[in-house]
Amino acid sequence: MTEEAAKDLITQVDGWNLITEDGPMKLSRSWKVKSFTKGLELFKLVADVAEAEDHHPDLHLVGWNNVTIEIWTHSVVGCLIMFHKDQVPHYGIAMRTFEVILFEGGLTENDFILAAKINAIDLHHLLRRKVAK
């Protein structure tokens, strides 16, 4: 999937962010939970949906209440070809060179479907309430 297509689809999954740096494109979302055990409960609810979809996100519990989920498809293989026009010093000759970058992982529509299904899980009893300012 192209970054442009991913940017179009990300608007359909509230709360999720598109990560495009340092590796393959991913979807990411974070929550603050009430406690460490509530974070584990959140993981169990997400795991049930992920198992049903046969699509398994990366689950992170950092500290005692910071949960982040990253979704991406490991089996996506891509190739990026970058063309360069270089001048050869002292000869005034323009050369075209190219660079090929192979990568594993990326996004498919199934990643956005899983994000939408995770959004449909009732998590309110696990999450910290926002403090009114």
Protein backbone atom coordinates (compact mmCIF):
# COMPACT_ATOMS: atom_id res chain seq x y z
CA MET A 1 0.00 0.00 0.00
CA THR A 2 1.26 3.46 -0.81
CA GLU A 3 1.63 6.15 1.83
CA GLU A 4 -1.02 8.19 0.01
CA ALA A 5 -3.54 5.33 0.20
CA ALA A 6 -2.72 4.82 3.89
CA LYS A 7 -3.28 8.52 4.59
CA ASP A 8 -6.73 8.23 3.00
CA LEU A 9 -7.67 5.18 5.09
CA ILE A 10 -6.30 6.48 8.42
CA THR A 11 -9.16 9.00 8.51
CA GLN A 12 -11.57 6.08 8.93
CA VAL A 13 -10.02 4.74 12.15
CA ASP A 14 -10.33 7.33 14.92
CA GLY A 15 -7.46 7.56 17.36
CA TRP A 16 -4.93 5.71 15.23
CA ASN A 17 -1.74 7.27 13.89
CA LEU A 18 0.16 6.45 10.74
CA ILE A 19 3.84 5.77 11.42
CA THR A 20 5.95 6.23 8.29
CA GLU A 21 9.46 6.64 9.72
CA ASP A 22 12.16 4.19 10.77
CA GLY A 23 10.96 1.07 8.99
CA PRO A 24 7.72 -0.16 7.49
CA MET A 25 4.51 1.85 7.67
CA LYS A 26 2.46 0.96 10.75
CA LEU A 27 -0.71 1.94 12.54
CA SER A 28 -0.26 2.93 16.17
CA ARG A 29 -2.61 3.82 18.99
CA SER A 30 -1.99 4.45 22.68
CA TRP A 31 -4.17 4.41 25.78
CA LYS A 32 -3.69 5.10 29.48
CA VAL A 33 -5.25 2.37 31.58
CA LYS A 34 -6.32 2.45 35.23
CA SER A 35 -3.78 -0.15 36.37
CA PHE A 36 -1.25 -2.71 35.25
CA THR A 37 -3.85 -5.48 35.38
CA LYS A 38 -6.31 -3.36 33.36
CA GLY A 39 -3.60 -3.14 30.68
CA LEU A 40 -3.40 -6.93 30.62
CA GLU A 41 -7.21 -7.10 30.36
CA LEU A 42 -7.06 -4.73 27.38
CA PHE A 43 -4.49 -7.03 25.76
CA LYS A 44 -6.80 -10.02 26.28
CA LEU A 45 -9.73 -8.25 24.62
CA VAL A 46 -7.55 -7.21 21.68
CA ALA A 47 -6.03 -10.70 21.47
CA ASP A 48 -9.49 -12.26 21.12
CA VAL A 49 -10.28 -9.99 18.15
CA ALA A 50 -6.81 -10.52 16.65
CA GLU A 51 -7.12 -14.31 16.89
CA ALA A 52 -10.51 -14.22 15.18
CA GLU A 53 -8.96 -12.14 12.37
CA ASP A 54 -5.77 -14.27 12.30
CA HIS A 55 -3.85 -11.00 12.39
CA HIS A 56 -1.62 -10.30 15.37
CA PRO A 57 -0.58 -6.77 16.37
CA ASP A 58 2.41 -5.79 18.47
CA LEU A 59 1.23 -5.09 22.04
CA HIS A 60 3.26 -2.86 24.37
CA LEU A 61 2.69 -2.19 28.08
CA VAL A 62 5.20 0.42 29.21
CA GLY A 63 5.35 1.43 32.83
CA TRP A 64 2.28 0.38 34.70
CA ASN A 65 -0.43 2.07 32.63
CA ASN A 66 0.76 3.00 29.12
CA VAL A 67 -0.58 0.72 26.42
CA THR A 68 0.39 1.01 22.77
CA ILE A 69 -0.71 -1.23 19.92
CA GLU A 70 1.05 -1.31 16.56
CA ILE A 71 -0.51 -2.98 13.54
CA TRP A 72 1.31 -3.87 10.35
CA THR A 73 1.62 -6.81 8.00
CA HIS A 74 4.95 -8.57 8.27
CA SER A 75 4.58 -10.44 4.96
CA VAL A 76 4.41 -7.30 2.81
CA VAL A 77 7.58 -6.94 0.76
CA GLY A 78 8.36 -3.72 -1.05
CA CYS A 79 10.96 -2.10 -3.20
CA LEU A 80 11.79 1.58 -3.43
CA ILE A 81 13.82 2.75 -6.41
CA MET A 82 15.39 6.19 -6.18
CA PHE A 83 16.89 7.78 -9.29
CA HIS A 84 19.68 10.34 -9.05
CA LYS A 85 21.21 12.61 -11.67
CA ASP A 86 24.85 13.20 -10.84
CA GLN A 87 27.52 15.33 -12.45
CA VAL A 88 30.91 13.71 -12.96
CA PRO A 89 33.54 16.22 -11.78
CA HIS A 90 35.96 17.57 -14.37
CA TYR A 91 34.15 15.99 -17.30
CA GLY A 92 30.76 17.74 -17.25
CA ILE A 93 29.02 14.45 -17.91
CA ALA A 94 25.61 13.89 -16.37
CA MET A 95 25.12 10.36 -15.15
CA ARG A 96 21.96 8.74 -13.95
CA THR A 97 22.35 6.40 -11.03
CA PHE A 98 19.75 4.63 -9.00
CA GLU A 99 19.44 3.14 -5.58
CA VAL A 100 17.26 0.13 -4.77
CA ILE A 101 15.95 -0.29 -1.24
CA LEU A 102 14.17 -3.52 -0.31
CA PHE A 103 12.01 -3.65 2.81
CA GLU A 104 9.79 -6.08 4.65
CA GLY A 105 6.55 -5.12 6.31
CA GLY A 106 3.93 -2.53 5.54
CA LEU A 107 0.21 -1.90 5.53
CA THR A 108 -2.72 -3.61 3.87
CA GLU A 109 -6.46 -3.02 4.12
CA ASN A 110 -6.60 -5.83 6.70
CA ASP A 111 -4.56 -3.67 9.09
CA PHE A 112 -7.19 -0.93 8.93
CA ILE A 113 -9.98 -3.49 9.38
CA LEU A 114 -8.29 -4.79 12.55
CA ALA A 115 -7.86 -1.21 13.83
CA ALA A 116 -11.59 -0.58 13.27
CA LYS A 117 -12.50 -3.79 15.11
CA ILE A 118 -10.26 -2.82 18.03
CA ASN A 119 -12.01 0.56 18.10
CA ALA A 120 -15.33 -1.27 18.42
CA ILE A 121 -14.25 -2.98 21.69
CA ASP A 122 -15.78 -1.38 24.80
CA LEU A 123 -12.70 -0.33 26.77
CA HIS A 124 -14.18 2.42 28.96
CA HIS A 125 -13.99 0.33 32.15
CA LEU A 126 -10.23 -0.15 31.63
CA LEU A 127 -9.19 3.40 30.79
CA ARG A 128 -8.22 6.27 33.06
CA ARG A 129 -10.65 9.15 33.03
CA LYS A 130 -9.36 12.40 31.61
CA VAL A 131 -8.89 15.06 34.25
CA ALA A 132 -10.93 18.19 33.55
CA LYS A 133 -8.84 21.35 33.37
